[in-house]
């Protein structure tokens, strides 16, 4: 065989492999580029979270009047969050969504309080600690309500107070289920008020003692 032809034939597989590797690498690069382009924007992530909370609220339903009020408030804040996204205020939208999430958790605890099959609750001593924690959180409710400048905040603060009273009464009556779940409802409502306050005053200053 002519030496020149032999070299060309020998080099052909190597060239083919190099070309194949390059194409493979290009495909990987294309995939990475496509993946990068598909990453959701902050607005998309915020919208997805809103949709998730709205679906959860629909799943929870409204087992009683307090749950209906909390559900209405939560959906109101989700609508507000969507409006903030359109205005380019993603951080504010996240705050309102977190408030709605807290209210959804409160509804879930109301559902648990109505379920007699749930029996695994903390000891009486642990309940006392939880109620004390809910009490101190409740003391913050009026502050958060004022800071939030929200029309619904006052009724939410009052609802948190009512649930704490119900939890305390249930504790006196040795009703572990109601004592535990109502205390959690109280805490979640206060947490929602806290998120509303943070959303209303993004640049925060610590309060002064009077």
Foldseek 3Di string as FASTA:
>chain_A
DPPVVVVVVVCVVVVVVVVVVVVVVVVVVVVVVVVVVPDDDLLRVLLVLLVVLLVLLVVLDQPDDVLVVLSVQLVVLSVVLNVCSVVVNSVLSVLSSLLSNLSSVLSVLVVQLVDPVDDDFDDLVVLVVLLVVLVVLLVCLVVLLVLLPDPCSVVLSVQLVVLSVQLVVCSVVVNRSSVVSSSSSSNSSSVSSNSSNCSSCVPDDDDDDD
